[in-house]
Amino acid sequence: MAEAERIIGTPDTPDAAGSGKERPDAEGTPAGESGTGPAAPAGAPGAGEPDATAGPPRGRRRIAVLFAVAAFAYALDLISKLIVVAKLEHHPPIEIVGDWLKFEAIRNAGAAFGFGEAFTVIFTMIAAAVIVVIARLARKLYSLPWAIALGLLLGGALGNLTDRIFRAPGVFEGAVVDFIAPKHFAVFNLADSAIVCGGILIVLLSFRGLDPDGTVHKD
């Protein structure tokens, strides 16, 4: 009887031993018993695997920042111009800081700050080209400062391009609405300000060696 029980019970022993070896393999063997022990933390959250997948979400967040900044700048410019046309055009200037700063509605057929009024169509094409270039750069964008800078450029370009297309005297020849008039300086609008601020930020980022993809290089 004892011999029979021993014979019947022997298969359980290898099974139990086998299952004891397979379970650590499935759940992660202790370090030092097999090569899978140290490799498991590498694939755990915060290690190798998320590093490979962290790029696209981070890139999408930067793109979202770009378009959020662009939408904010564009909305401010559009709303300010609607108010200026409705309340200030054909009216005396409004003094904000004495003679040093006034709100005065004018129509500008040229570029930013009133330059190049004979090249309205060319400036319209340049603004459209800037928008296309920024949209293409957005695919490789991983830098937050670059996202803000490009968003300012995009919002400003869209603001003035809207005037070029929809305002008199005609499509692609429309005059931009300007209203911020500092003393001894050209009259401009919020779109011009966004473009200038974005351009200055890009110059600073370039001097620091920061690329749109987030890499930093030194000359």
N, C-alpha and C. Protein backbone atom coordinates (compact mmCIF):
# COMPACT_ATOMS: atom_id res chain seq x y z
N MET A 1 0.83 -1.21 0.00
CA MET A 1 0.00 0.00 0.00
C MET A 1 0.86 1.24 0.00
N ALA A 2 1.85 1.21 0.83
CA ALA A 2 2.75 2.35 0.88
C ALA A 2 3.48 2.54 -0.43
N GLU A 3 3.82 1.36 -1.04
CA GLU A 3 4.50 1.43 -2.33
C GLU A 3 3.57 2.01 -3.40
N ALA A 4 2.27 1.62 -3.36
CA ALA A 4 1.30 2.14 -4.32
C ALA A 4 1.10 3.63 -4.15
N GLU A 5 1.00 4.07 -2.89
CA GLU A 5 0.83 5.51 -2.65
C GLU A 5 2.04 6.29 -3.12
N ARG A 6 3.20 5.71 -2.94
CA ARG A 6 4.40 6.40 -3.39
C ARG A 6 4.42 6.54 -4.90
N ILE A 7 3.98 5.47 -5.60
CA ILE A 7 3.96 5.50 -7.06
C ILE A 7 2.93 6.48 -7.57
N ILE A 8 1.74 6.50 -6.95
CA ILE A 8 0.68 7.42 -7.39
C ILE A 8 1.05 8.86 -7.07
N GLY A 9 1.73 9.07 -5.96
CA GLY A 9 2.06 10.44 -5.53
C GLY A 9 3.25 11.04 -6.21
N THR A 10 4.08 10.28 -6.83
CA THR A 10 5.27 10.83 -7.44
C THR A 10 5.01 11.83 -8.56
N PRO A 11 3.98 11.65 -9.42
CA PRO A 11 3.76 12.67 -10.46
C PRO A 11 3.48 14.05 -9.90
N ASP A 12 2.88 14.13 -8.68
CA ASP A 12 2.57 15.45 -8.11
C ASP A 12 3.84 16.21 -7.78
N THR A 13 4.88 15.52 -7.44
CA THR A 13 6.09 16.20 -7.02
C THR A 13 6.74 16.96 -8.16
N PRO A 14 6.97 16.36 -9.34
CA PRO A 14 7.51 17.14 -10.45
C PRO A 14 6.59 18.27 -10.87
N ASP A 15 5.24 17.99 -10.84
CA ASP A 15 4.31 19.05 -11.24
C ASP A 15 4.43 20.25 -10.32
N ALA A 16 4.48 19.94 -9.04
CA ALA A 16 4.59 21.05 -8.08
C ALA A 16 5.89 21.78 -8.26
N ALA A 17 6.95 20.99 -8.47
CA ALA A 17 8.24 21.65 -8.69
C ALA A 17 8.25 22.43 -9.97
N GLY A 18 7.62 21.84 -11.01
CA GLY A 18 7.57 22.54 -12.29
C GLY A 18 6.78 23.82 -12.20
N SER A 19 5.64 23.72 -11.50
CA SER A 19 4.84 24.94 -11.39
C SER A 19 5.56 25.98 -10.57
N GLY A 20 6.34 25.57 -9.63
CA GLY A 20 7.10 26.54 -8.84
C GLY A 20 8.16 27.22 -9.65
N LYS A 21 8.67 26.59 -10.70
CA LYS A 21 9.67 27.21 -11.53
C LYS A 21 9.03 28.10 -12.59
N GLU A 22 7.87 27.71 -13.08
CA GLU A 22 7.24 28.49 -14.14
C GLU A 22 6.64 29.80 -13.61
N ARG A 23 6.12 29.77 -12.41
CA ARG A 23 5.46 30.97 -11.88
C ARG A 23 6.41 32.16 -11.76
N PRO A 24 7.60 31.95 -11.21
CA PRO A 24 8.53 33.10 -11.20
C PRO A 24 8.89 33.55 -12.59
N ASP A 25 8.96 32.59 -13.56
CA ASP A 25 9.28 33.01 -14.92
C ASP A 25 8.18 33.90 -15.47
N ALA A 26 6.92 33.59 -15.17
CA ALA A 26 5.81 34.38 -15.69
C ALA A 26 5.69 35.70 -14.96
N GLU A 27 5.95 35.68 -13.65
CA GLU A 27 5.74 36.90 -12.88
C GLU A 27 7.01 37.69 -12.68
N GLY A 28 8.15 37.11 -13.06
CA GLY A 28 9.42 37.81 -12.88
C GLY A 28 10.28 37.10 -11.88
N THR A 29 11.37 36.40 -12.36
CA THR A 29 12.24 35.68 -11.46
C THR A 29 13.05 36.63 -10.61
N PRO A 30 13.45 36.19 -9.43
CA PRO A 30 14.31 37.05 -8.61
C PRO A 30 15.61 37.35 -9.31
N ALA A 31 16.20 38.50 -9.01
CA ALA A 31 17.45 38.90 -9.64
C ALA A 31 18.53 37.90 -9.32
N GLY A 32 19.32 37.54 -10.35
CA GLY A 32 20.42 36.62 -10.17
C GLY A 32 20.07 35.21 -10.55
N GLU A 33 18.77 34.78 -10.63
CA GLU A 33 18.41 33.42 -10.98
C GLU A 33 18.26 33.25 -12.48
N SER A 34 17.91 34.30 -13.20
CA SER A 34 17.86 34.21 -14.65
C SER A 34 17.98 35.60 -15.22
N GLY A 35 18.12 35.72 -16.55
CA GLY A 35 18.30 37.03 -17.18
C GLY A 35 17.06 37.87 -17.17
N THR A 36 15.91 37.24 -16.87
CA THR A 36 14.67 38.03 -16.90
C THR A 36 14.52 38.91 -15.69
N GLY A 37 15.24 38.64 -14.60
CA GLY A 37 15.08 39.43 -13.37
C GLY A 37 15.42 40.88 -13.57
N PRO A 38 16.63 41.22 -14.04
CA PRO A 38 16.97 42.62 -14.24
C PRO A 38 16.21 43.25 -15.39
N ALA A 39 15.77 42.43 -16.37
CA ALA A 39 15.11 43.00 -17.54
C ALA A 39 13.72 43.47 -17.24
N ALA A 40 13.06 42.87 -16.21
CA ALA A 40 11.67 43.22 -15.91
C ALA A 40 11.51 44.68 -15.53
N PRO A 41 12.35 45.23 -14.65
CA PRO A 41 12.21 46.65 -14.33
C PRO A 41 12.42 47.54 -15.53
N ALA A 42 13.25 47.11 -16.51
CA ALA A 42 13.49 47.93 -17.70
C ALA A 42 12.23 48.11 -18.50
N GLY A 43 11.36 47.09 -18.49
CA GLY A 43 10.11 47.19 -19.23
C GLY A 43 8.97 47.72 -18.40
N ALA A 44 9.22 47.95 -17.11
CA ALA A 44 8.18 48.44 -16.23
C ALA A 44 7.90 49.90 -16.51
N PRO A 45 6.75 50.43 -16.02
CA PRO A 45 6.44 51.85 -16.23
C PRO A 45 7.55 52.75 -15.73
N GLY A 46 7.92 53.75 -16.55
CA GLY A 46 8.98 54.67 -16.19
C GLY A 46 10.34 54.21 -16.66
N ALA A 47 10.41 52.99 -17.31
CA ALA A 47 11.70 52.51 -17.79
C ALA A 47 11.72 52.50 -19.30
N GLY A 48 12.29 51.43 -19.89
CA GLY A 48 12.55 51.44 -21.33
C GLY A 48 11.33 51.59 -22.20
N GLU A 49 10.26 50.84 -21.90
CA GLU A 49 9.12 50.84 -22.78
C GLU A 49 8.42 52.19 -22.87
N PRO A 50 8.13 52.87 -21.74
CA PRO A 50 7.53 54.20 -21.84
C PRO A 50 8.44 55.21 -22.50
N ASP A 51 9.79 55.02 -22.40
CA ASP A 51 10.68 55.95 -23.08
C ASP A 51 10.43 55.92 -24.58
N ALA A 52 10.13 54.71 -25.09
CA ALA A 52 9.89 54.60 -26.53
C ALA A 52 8.56 55.21 -26.91
N THR A 53 7.61 55.21 -25.97
CA THR A 53 6.27 55.73 -26.29
C THR A 53 6.06 57.12 -25.76
N ALA A 54 7.04 57.68 -25.03
CA ALA A 54 6.84 59.00 -24.43
C ALA A 54 6.91 60.10 -25.46
N GLY A 55 7.57 59.85 -26.60
CA GLY A 55 7.75 60.88 -27.60
C GLY A 55 6.46 61.40 -28.19
N PRO A 56 5.62 60.53 -28.77
CA PRO A 56 4.39 61.02 -29.41
C PRO A 56 3.47 61.78 -28.47
N PRO A 57 3.16 61.28 -27.24
CA PRO A 57 2.30 62.09 -26.36
C PRO A 57 2.90 63.44 -26.04
N ARG A 58 4.21 63.46 -25.77
CA ARG A 58 4.87 64.74 -25.48
C ARG A 58 4.79 65.66 -26.69
N GLY A 59 4.99 65.11 -27.88
CA GLY A 59 4.87 65.91 -29.09
C GLY A 59 3.47 66.44 -29.29
N ARG A 60 2.48 65.61 -28.99
CA ARG A 60 1.10 66.07 -29.14
C ARG A 60 0.78 67.19 -28.18
N ARG A 61 1.34 67.12 -26.97
CA ARG A 61 1.11 68.22 -26.01
C ARG A 61 1.72 69.51 -26.50
N ARG A 62 2.91 69.44 -27.07
CA ARG A 62 3.55 70.64 -27.60
C ARG A 62 2.74 71.22 -28.76
N ILE A 63 2.23 70.36 -29.63
CA ILE A 63 1.40 70.83 -30.73
C ILE A 63 0.13 71.48 -30.20
N ALA A 64 -0.44 70.90 -29.15
CA ALA A 64 -1.63 71.48 -28.55
C ALA A 64 -1.34 72.87 -27.99
N VAL A 65 -0.16 73.03 -27.37
CA VAL A 65 0.23 74.36 -26.87
C VAL A 65 0.37 75.34 -28.02
N LEU A 66 1.01 74.90 -29.10
CA LEU A 66 1.19 75.78 -30.27
C LEU A 66 -0.16 76.32 -30.76
N PHE A 67 -1.11 75.41 -30.97
CA PHE A 67 -2.39 75.84 -31.52
C PHE A 67 -3.23 76.60 -30.50
N ALA A 68 -3.04 76.30 -29.21
CA ALA A 68 -3.75 77.07 -28.18
C ALA A 68 -3.25 78.51 -28.14
N VAL A 69 -1.94 78.69 -28.19
CA VAL A 69 -1.36 80.04 -28.21
C VAL A 69 -1.79 80.77 -29.48
N ALA A 70 -1.75 80.07 -30.62
CA ALA A 70 -2.17 80.69 -31.88
C ALA A 70 -3.63 81.11 -31.83
N ALA A 71 -4.50 80.24 -31.30
CA ALA A 71 -5.92 80.57 -31.21
C ALA A 71 -6.16 81.76 -30.29
N PHE A 72 -5.42 81.82 -29.17
CA PHE A 72 -5.57 82.93 -28.24
C PHE A 72 -5.13 84.25 -28.88
N ALA A 73 -3.96 84.23 -29.52
CA ALA A 73 -3.46 85.45 -30.18
C ALA A 73 -4.40 85.89 -31.30
N TYR A 74 -4.88 84.92 -32.08
CA TYR A 74 -5.78 85.25 -33.19
C TYR A 74 -7.10 85.82 -32.68
N ALA A 75 -7.64 85.21 -31.62
CA ALA A 75 -8.91 85.70 -31.07
C ALA A 75 -8.79 87.11 -30.53
N LEU A 76 -7.69 87.38 -29.79
CA LEU A 76 -7.48 88.74 -29.27
C LEU A 76 -7.38 89.75 -30.40
N ASP A 77 -6.63 89.40 -31.43
CA ASP A 77 -6.47 90.32 -32.56
C ASP A 77 -7.80 90.56 -33.27
N LEU A 78 -8.54 89.47 -33.51
CA LEU A 78 -9.81 89.61 -34.23
C LEU A 78 -10.82 90.43 -33.44
N ILE A 79 -10.95 90.15 -32.15
CA ILE A 79 -11.90 90.88 -31.32
C ILE A 79 -11.52 92.35 -31.21
N SER A 80 -10.23 92.62 -31.04
CA SER A 80 -9.79 94.02 -30.92
C SER A 80 -10.09 94.78 -32.21
N LYS A 81 -9.90 94.16 -33.36
CA LYS A 81 -10.16 94.84 -34.63
C LYS A 81 -11.65 95.08 -34.84
N LEU A 82 -12.46 94.12 -34.44
CA LEU A 82 -13.91 94.32 -34.55
C LEU A 82 -14.37 95.50 -33.69
N ILE A 83 -13.82 95.60 -32.49
CA ILE A 83 -14.18 96.73 -31.62
C ILE A 83 -13.68 98.05 -32.19
N VAL A 84 -12.46 98.05 -32.72
CA VAL A 84 -11.89 99.28 -33.29
C VAL A 84 -12.71 99.76 -34.47
N VAL A 85 -13.06 98.84 -35.36
CA VAL A 85 -13.84 99.22 -36.54
C VAL A 85 -15.22 99.74 -36.14
N ALA A 86 -15.83 99.13 -35.13
CA ALA A 86 -17.17 99.52 -34.72
C ALA A 86 -17.19 100.81 -33.89
N LYS A 87 -16.18 101.02 -33.05
CA LYS A 87 -16.25 102.10 -32.07
C LYS A 87 -15.26 103.24 -32.33
N LEU A 88 -14.17 102.96 -33.04
CA LEU A 88 -13.11 103.95 -33.13
C LEU A 88 -12.90 104.51 -34.53
N GLU A 89 -13.21 103.71 -35.53
CA GLU A 89 -12.98 104.19 -36.90
C GLU A 89 -13.87 105.39 -37.20
N HIS A 90 -13.29 106.39 -37.88
CA HIS A 90 -13.99 107.64 -38.20
C HIS A 90 -14.32 108.45 -36.94
N HIS A 91 -13.57 108.21 -35.89
CA HIS A 91 -13.72 108.98 -34.65
C HIS A 91 -12.35 109.51 -34.24
N PRO A 92 -12.31 110.55 -33.41
CA PRO A 92 -11.02 111.08 -32.94
C PRO A 92 -10.25 110.02 -32.15
N PRO A 93 -8.92 110.09 -32.16
CA PRO A 93 -8.11 109.13 -31.39
C PRO A 93 -8.41 109.22 -29.90
N ILE A 94 -8.20 108.11 -29.22
CA ILE A 94 -8.38 108.05 -27.76
C ILE A 94 -7.00 108.06 -27.11
N GLU A 95 -6.77 109.03 -26.25
CA GLU A 95 -5.48 109.12 -25.57
C GLU A 95 -5.46 108.13 -24.40
N ILE A 96 -4.45 107.28 -24.38
CA ILE A 96 -4.28 106.29 -23.31
C ILE A 96 -3.27 106.79 -22.29
N VAL A 97 -2.10 107.24 -22.78
CA VAL A 97 -1.07 107.82 -21.91
C VAL A 97 -0.68 109.17 -22.52
N GLY A 98 -1.54 110.15 -22.39
CA GLY A 98 -1.29 111.47 -22.97
C GLY A 98 -1.02 111.37 -24.46
N ASP A 99 0.03 112.09 -24.91
CA ASP A 99 0.43 112.02 -26.31
C ASP A 99 1.33 110.83 -26.60
N TRP A 100 1.75 110.11 -25.58
CA TRP A 100 2.73 109.03 -25.77
C TRP A 100 2.09 107.76 -26.32
N LEU A 101 0.82 107.54 -26.02
CA LEU A 101 0.15 106.34 -26.53
C LEU A 101 -1.31 106.64 -26.78
N LYS A 102 -1.74 106.39 -28.02
CA LYS A 102 -3.12 106.63 -28.40
C LYS A 102 -3.67 105.40 -29.12
N PHE A 103 -5.00 105.30 -29.12
CA PHE A 103 -5.70 104.35 -29.97
C PHE A 103 -6.30 105.13 -31.14
N GLU A 104 -5.78 104.83 -32.33
CA GLU A 104 -6.21 105.56 -33.53
C GLU A 104 -6.38 104.57 -34.68
N ALA A 105 -7.59 104.45 -35.19
CA ALA A 105 -7.89 103.46 -36.22
C ALA A 105 -7.40 103.94 -37.59
N ILE A 106 -6.56 103.12 -38.22
CA ILE A 106 -6.14 103.39 -39.59
C ILE A 106 -6.18 102.08 -40.38
N ARG A 107 -6.20 102.18 -41.69
CA ARG A 107 -6.14 101.01 -42.57
C ARG A 107 -4.78 100.98 -43.23
N ASN A 108 -4.07 99.87 -43.08
CA ASN A 108 -2.71 99.73 -43.57
C ASN A 108 -2.66 98.67 -44.66
N ALA A 109 -2.30 99.08 -45.87
CA ALA A 109 -2.20 98.13 -46.98
C ALA A 109 -0.83 97.48 -47.07
N GLY A 110 0.12 97.90 -46.22
CA GLY A 110 1.47 97.38 -46.28
C GLY A 110 1.71 96.27 -45.29
N ALA A 111 2.98 96.09 -44.93
CA ALA A 111 3.37 95.06 -43.98
C ALA A 111 3.21 95.58 -42.57
N ALA A 112 3.82 94.87 -41.62
CA ALA A 112 3.73 95.31 -40.22
C ALA A 112 4.31 96.70 -40.06
N PHE A 113 3.65 97.50 -39.22
CA PHE A 113 4.08 98.86 -38.91
C PHE A 113 4.03 99.79 -40.12
N GLY A 114 3.25 99.43 -41.14
CA GLY A 114 3.01 100.35 -42.25
C GLY A 114 4.04 100.35 -43.35
N PHE A 115 4.95 99.39 -43.40
CA PHE A 115 5.98 99.39 -44.43
C PHE A 115 5.52 98.63 -45.67
N GLY A 116 5.92 99.14 -46.85
CA GLY A 116 5.69 98.42 -48.10
C GLY A 116 4.26 98.37 -48.55
N GLU A 117 3.58 99.50 -48.61
CA GLU A 117 2.17 99.50 -48.97
C GLU A 117 1.92 99.13 -50.43
N ALA A 118 2.95 99.14 -51.26
CA ALA A 118 2.78 98.79 -52.68
C ALA A 118 2.86 97.29 -52.92
N PHE A 119 3.09 96.49 -51.89
CA PHE A 119 3.31 95.05 -52.07
C PHE A 119 2.31 94.24 -51.25
N THR A 120 1.06 94.64 -51.27
CA THR A 120 0.05 93.99 -50.45
C THR A 120 -0.10 92.51 -50.80
N VAL A 121 -0.18 92.19 -52.09
CA VAL A 121 -0.36 90.80 -52.52
C VAL A 121 0.84 89.95 -52.11
N ILE A 122 2.04 90.52 -52.24
CA ILE A 122 3.25 89.78 -51.86
C ILE A 122 3.24 89.47 -50.37
N PHE A 123 2.86 90.45 -49.56
CA PHE A 123 2.81 90.22 -48.12
C PHE A 123 1.74 89.18 -47.77
N THR A 124 0.67 89.15 -48.53
CA THR A 124 -0.36 88.14 -48.31
C THR A 124 0.19 86.75 -48.59
N MET A 125 0.95 86.60 -49.66
CA MET A 125 1.55 85.31 -50.01
C MET A 125 2.58 84.90 -48.97
N ILE A 126 3.34 85.86 -48.46
CA ILE A 126 4.34 85.55 -47.43
C ILE A 126 3.65 85.06 -46.16
N ALA A 127 2.56 85.71 -45.77
CA ALA A 127 1.83 85.30 -44.57
C ALA A 127 1.29 83.88 -44.73
N ALA A 128 0.77 83.57 -45.92
CA ALA A 128 0.26 82.22 -46.17
C ALA A 128 1.39 81.20 -46.13
N ALA A 129 2.56 81.56 -46.68
CA ALA A 129 3.71 80.65 -46.66
C ALA A 129 4.19 80.40 -45.23
N VAL A 130 4.18 81.44 -44.40
CA VAL A 130 4.58 81.29 -43.00
C VAL A 130 3.67 80.29 -42.29
N ILE A 131 2.39 80.37 -42.55
CA ILE A 131 1.42 79.46 -41.92
C ILE A 131 1.70 78.01 -42.34
N VAL A 132 1.99 77.80 -43.62
CA VAL A 132 2.29 76.44 -44.12
C VAL A 132 3.57 75.91 -43.47
N VAL A 133 4.60 76.74 -43.39
CA VAL A 133 5.87 76.31 -42.80
C VAL A 133 5.68 75.94 -41.33
N ILE A 134 4.93 76.74 -40.59
CA ILE A 134 4.70 76.45 -39.18
C ILE A 134 3.93 75.14 -39.02
N ALA A 135 2.95 74.91 -39.89
CA ALA A 135 2.19 73.66 -39.82
C ALA A 135 3.09 72.45 -40.08
N ARG A 136 4.06 72.59 -40.97
CA ARG A 136 4.99 71.49 -41.25
C ARG A 136 5.96 71.28 -40.09
N LEU A 137 6.41 72.36 -39.47
CA LEU A 137 7.32 72.25 -38.33
C LEU A 137 6.64 71.60 -37.13
N ALA A 138 5.33 71.75 -37.03
CA ALA A 138 4.61 71.23 -35.87
C ALA A 138 4.77 69.73 -35.73
N ARG A 139 5.00 69.01 -36.82
CA ARG A 139 5.14 67.55 -36.75
C ARG A 139 6.38 67.12 -36.00
N LYS A 140 7.40 67.98 -35.95
CA LYS A 140 8.65 67.64 -35.28
C LYS A 140 8.87 68.48 -34.03
N LEU A 141 7.79 68.99 -33.47
CA LEU A 141 7.90 69.93 -32.36
C LEU A 141 7.87 69.20 -31.03
N TYR A 142 8.95 69.34 -30.23
CA TYR A 142 9.01 68.74 -28.90
C TYR A 142 9.48 69.74 -27.85
N SER A 143 9.57 71.02 -28.20
CA SER A 143 10.06 72.06 -27.30
C SER A 143 8.92 73.00 -26.95
N LEU A 144 8.69 73.19 -25.65
CA LEU A 144 7.62 74.09 -25.21
C LEU A 144 7.89 75.54 -25.59
N PRO A 145 9.10 76.09 -25.38
CA PRO A 145 9.33 77.47 -25.80
C PRO A 145 9.13 77.67 -27.30
N TRP A 146 9.56 76.69 -28.10
CA TRP A 146 9.33 76.80 -29.54
C TRP A 146 7.84 76.73 -29.87
N ALA A 147 7.10 75.94 -29.13
CA ALA A 147 5.65 75.87 -29.35
C ALA A 147 5.00 77.22 -29.10
N ILE A 148 5.43 77.90 -28.04
CA ILE A 148 4.87 79.23 -27.74
C ILE A 148 5.27 80.23 -28.82
N ALA A 149 6.54 80.21 -29.23
CA ALA A 149 7.02 81.15 -30.24
C ALA A 149 6.29 80.94 -31.57
N LEU A 150 6.19 79.70 -32.01
CA LEU A 150 5.52 79.42 -33.28
C LEU A 150 4.02 79.70 -33.17
N GLY A 151 3.45 79.50 -31.99
CA GLY A 151 2.04 79.83 -31.81
C GLY A 151 1.77 81.32 -31.96
N LEU A 152 2.69 82.14 -31.41
CA LEU A 152 2.55 83.59 -31.57
C LEU A 152 2.67 84.00 -33.04
N LEU A 153 3.64 83.41 -33.74
CA LEU A 153 3.78 83.71 -35.17
C LEU A 153 2.55 83.29 -35.95
N LEU A 154 2.05 82.09 -35.65
CA LEU A 154 0.89 81.59 -36.38
C LEU A 154 -0.34 82.44 -36.12
N GLY A 155 -0.59 82.78 -34.86
CA GLY A 155 -1.75 83.60 -34.54
C GLY A 155 -1.68 84.98 -35.18
N GLY A 156 -0.48 85.60 -35.13
CA GLY A 156 -0.33 86.91 -35.76
C GLY A 156 -0.48 86.87 -37.27
N ALA A 157 0.12 85.84 -37.89
CA ALA A 157 0.00 85.72 -39.34
C ALA A 157 -1.44 85.49 -39.76
N LEU A 158 -2.16 84.66 -39.01
CA LEU A 158 -3.57 84.42 -39.33
C LEU A 158 -4.41 85.68 -39.15
N GLY A 159 -4.08 86.47 -38.11
CA GLY A 159 -4.84 87.70 -37.87
C GLY A 159 -4.72 88.68 -39.01
N ASN A 160 -3.51 88.94 -39.48
CA ASN A 160 -3.34 89.88 -40.58
C ASN A 160 -3.79 89.28 -41.91
N LEU A 161 -3.62 87.95 -42.08
CA LEU A 161 -4.08 87.32 -43.31
C LEU A 161 -5.60 87.41 -43.44
N THR A 162 -6.31 87.33 -42.32
CA THR A 162 -7.77 87.48 -42.35
C THR A 162 -8.16 88.85 -42.90
N ASP A 163 -7.44 89.89 -42.47
CA ASP A 163 -7.71 91.23 -43.01
C ASP A 163 -7.41 91.29 -44.50
N ARG A 164 -6.29 90.68 -44.92
CA ARG A 164 -5.91 90.72 -46.34
C ARG A 164 -6.99 90.08 -47.23
N ILE A 165 -7.63 89.06 -46.71
CA ILE A 165 -8.60 88.32 -47.53
C ILE A 165 -9.98 88.96 -47.49
N PHE A 166 -10.43 89.40 -46.32
CA PHE A 166 -11.84 89.77 -46.17
C PHE A 166 -12.12 91.26 -46.12
N ARG A 167 -11.10 92.09 -46.02
CA ARG A 167 -11.37 93.52 -45.93
C ARG A 167 -11.14 94.21 -47.27
N ALA A 168 -11.69 95.44 -47.39
CA ALA A 168 -11.54 96.23 -48.62
C ALA A 168 -10.07 96.59 -48.80
N PRO A 169 -9.64 96.77 -50.06
CA PRO A 169 -10.46 96.90 -51.28
C PRO A 169 -10.77 95.59 -51.98
N GLY A 170 -10.20 94.44 -51.58
CA GLY A 170 -10.52 93.20 -52.26
C GLY A 170 -9.73 92.04 -51.69
N VAL A 171 -10.05 90.85 -52.20
CA VAL A 171 -9.40 89.63 -51.73
C VAL A 171 -7.91 89.69 -52.02
N PHE A 172 -7.10 89.34 -51.02
CA PHE A 172 -5.63 89.35 -51.07
C PHE A 172 -5.05 90.76 -51.17
N GLU A 173 -5.90 91.79 -51.20
CA GLU A 173 -5.43 93.16 -51.25
C GLU A 173 -6.01 94.00 -50.12
N GLY A 174 -6.64 93.33 -49.16
CA GLY A 174 -7.29 94.04 -48.08
C GLY A 174 -6.30 94.78 -47.19
N ALA A 175 -6.77 95.89 -46.64
CA ALA A 175 -5.95 96.71 -45.74
C ALA A 175 -6.13 96.22 -44.31
N VAL A 176 -5.02 96.10 -43.60
CA VAL A 176 -5.04 95.62 -42.22
C VAL A 176 -5.46 96.76 -41.29
N VAL A 177 -6.25 96.42 -40.28
CA VAL A 177 -6.69 97.41 -39.29
C VAL A 177 -5.60 97.57 -38.22
N ASP A 178 -5.03 98.77 -38.11
CA ASP A 178 -4.05 99.11 -37.07
C ASP A 178 -4.66 100.15 -36.15
N PHE A 179 -4.25 100.13 -34.88
CA PHE A 179 -4.86 101.10 -33.96
C PHE A 179 -3.96 101.49 -32.79
N ILE A 180 -2.89 100.78 -32.53
CA ILE A 180 -2.00 101.14 -31.40
C ILE A 180 -0.97 102.12 -31.92
N ALA A 181 -1.03 103.35 -31.42
CA ALA A 181 -0.23 104.43 -31.98
C ALA A 181 0.66 105.07 -30.91
N PRO A 182 1.88 104.53 -30.70
CA PRO A 182 2.83 105.21 -29.79
C PRO A 182 3.38 106.47 -30.45
N LYS A 183 3.83 107.40 -29.63
CA LYS A 183 4.38 108.64 -30.15
C LYS A 183 5.69 108.37 -30.87
N HIS A 184 5.86 108.99 -32.04
CA HIS A 184 7.06 108.87 -32.87
C HIS A 184 7.32 107.43 -33.30
N PHE A 185 6.25 106.67 -33.52
CA PHE A 185 6.40 105.28 -33.96
C PHE A 185 5.23 104.93 -34.86
N ALA A 186 5.41 103.87 -35.64
CA ALA A 186 4.35 103.45 -36.56
C ALA A 186 3.16 102.87 -35.80
N VAL A 187 1.99 102.99 -36.41
CA VAL A 187 0.78 102.42 -35.83
C VAL A 187 0.75 100.92 -36.14
N PHE A 188 0.36 100.09 -35.15
CA PHE A 188 0.35 98.64 -35.36
C PHE A 188 -0.84 98.03 -34.63
N ASN A 189 -0.93 96.72 -34.67
CA ASN A 189 -2.05 96.01 -34.03
C ASN A 189 -1.52 94.85 -33.20
N LEU A 190 -2.42 94.06 -32.61
CA LEU A 190 -2.01 92.96 -31.76
C LEU A 190 -1.38 91.82 -32.56
N ALA A 191 -1.79 91.64 -33.80
CA ALA A 191 -1.17 90.61 -34.64
C ALA A 191 0.29 90.94 -34.89
N ASP A 192 0.58 92.22 -35.18
CA ASP A 192 1.98 92.64 -35.35
C ASP A 192 2.78 92.37 -34.08
N SER A 193 2.18 92.67 -32.94
CA SER A 193 2.87 92.45 -31.66
C SER A 193 3.17 90.97 -31.45
N ALA A 194 2.20 90.11 -31.77
CA ALA A 194 2.42 88.67 -31.61
C ALA A 194 3.54 88.18 -32.52
N ILE A 195 3.58 88.68 -33.75
CA ILE A 195 4.62 88.27 -34.70
C ILE A 195 6.00 88.71 -34.20
N VAL A 196 6.10 89.95 -33.73
CA VAL A 196 7.38 90.46 -33.23
C VAL A 196 7.83 89.68 -31.99
N CYS A 197 6.92 89.44 -31.06
CA CYS A 197 7.28 88.69 -29.84
C CYS A 197 7.71 87.27 -30.18
N GLY A 198 6.98 86.63 -31.10
CA GLY A 198 7.37 85.29 -31.52
C GLY A 198 8.73 85.27 -32.20
N GLY A 199 8.99 86.28 -33.04
CA GLY A 199 10.28 86.36 -33.71
C GLY A 199 11.43 86.58 -32.73
N ILE A 200 11.23 87.46 -31.75
CA ILE A 200 12.27 87.70 -30.74
C ILE A 200 12.55 86.42 -29.94
N LEU A 201 11.49 85.70 -29.58
CA LEU A 201 11.66 84.46 -28.81
C LEU A 201 12.42 83.42 -29.64
N ILE A 202 12.15 83.33 -30.93
CA ILE A 202 12.87 82.39 -31.78
C ILE A 202 14.35 82.74 -31.85
N VAL A 203 14.66 84.03 -31.96
CA VAL A 203 16.07 84.45 -31.99
C VAL A 203 16.77 84.07 -30.69
N LEU A 204 16.12 84.29 -29.56
CA LEU A 204 16.71 83.94 -28.27
C LEU A 204 16.92 82.43 -28.15
N LEU A 205 15.95 81.65 -28.60
CA LEU A 205 16.08 80.19 -28.55
C LEU A 205 17.21 79.72 -29.45
N SER A 206 17.36 80.36 -30.60
CA SER A 206 18.44 79.99 -31.52
C SER A 206 19.80 80.30 -30.92
N PHE A 207 19.92 81.44 -30.24
CA PHE A 207 21.18 81.78 -29.59
C PHE A 207 21.52 80.79 -28.47
N ARG A 208 20.51 80.28 -27.82
CA ARG A 208 20.74 79.31 -26.75
C ARG A 208 20.99 77.90 -27.30
N GLY A 209 20.81 77.71 -28.60
CA GLY A 209 21.06 76.42 -29.21
C GLY A 209 19.94 75.42 -29.05
N LEU A 210 18.73 75.88 -28.75
CA LEU A 210 17.58 74.98 -28.59
C LEU A 210 16.83 74.85 -29.90
N ASP A 211 16.70 73.61 -30.38
CA ASP A 211 16.02 73.33 -31.64
C ASP A 211 14.55 73.01 -31.38
N PRO A 212 13.70 73.12 -32.41
CA PRO A 212 12.27 72.80 -32.22
C PRO A 212 12.01 71.38 -31.75
N ASP A 213 12.91 70.43 -32.09
CA ASP A 213 12.71 69.04 -31.67
C ASP A 213 13.16 68.80 -30.23
N GLY A 214 13.59 69.85 -29.53
CA GLY A 214 13.97 69.72 -28.14
C GLY A 214 15.44 69.48 -27.89
N THR A 215 16.22 69.22 -28.94
CA THR A 215 17.65 69.00 -28.76
C THR A 215 18.37 70.32 -28.54
N VAL A 216 19.46 70.25 -27.80
CA VAL A 216 20.28 71.42 -27.52
C VAL A 216 21.66 71.18 -28.13
N HIS A 217 22.12 72.12 -28.94
CA HIS A 217 23.43 71.97 -29.55
C HIS A 217 24.26 73.20 -29.22
N LYS A 218 25.56 73.04 -29.23
CA LYS A 218 26.48 74.13 -28.96
C LYS A 218 27.45 74.24 -30.13
N ASP A 219 27.64 75.48 -30.60
CA ASP A 219 28.55 75.70 -31.73
C ASP A 219 29.99 75.57 -31.27
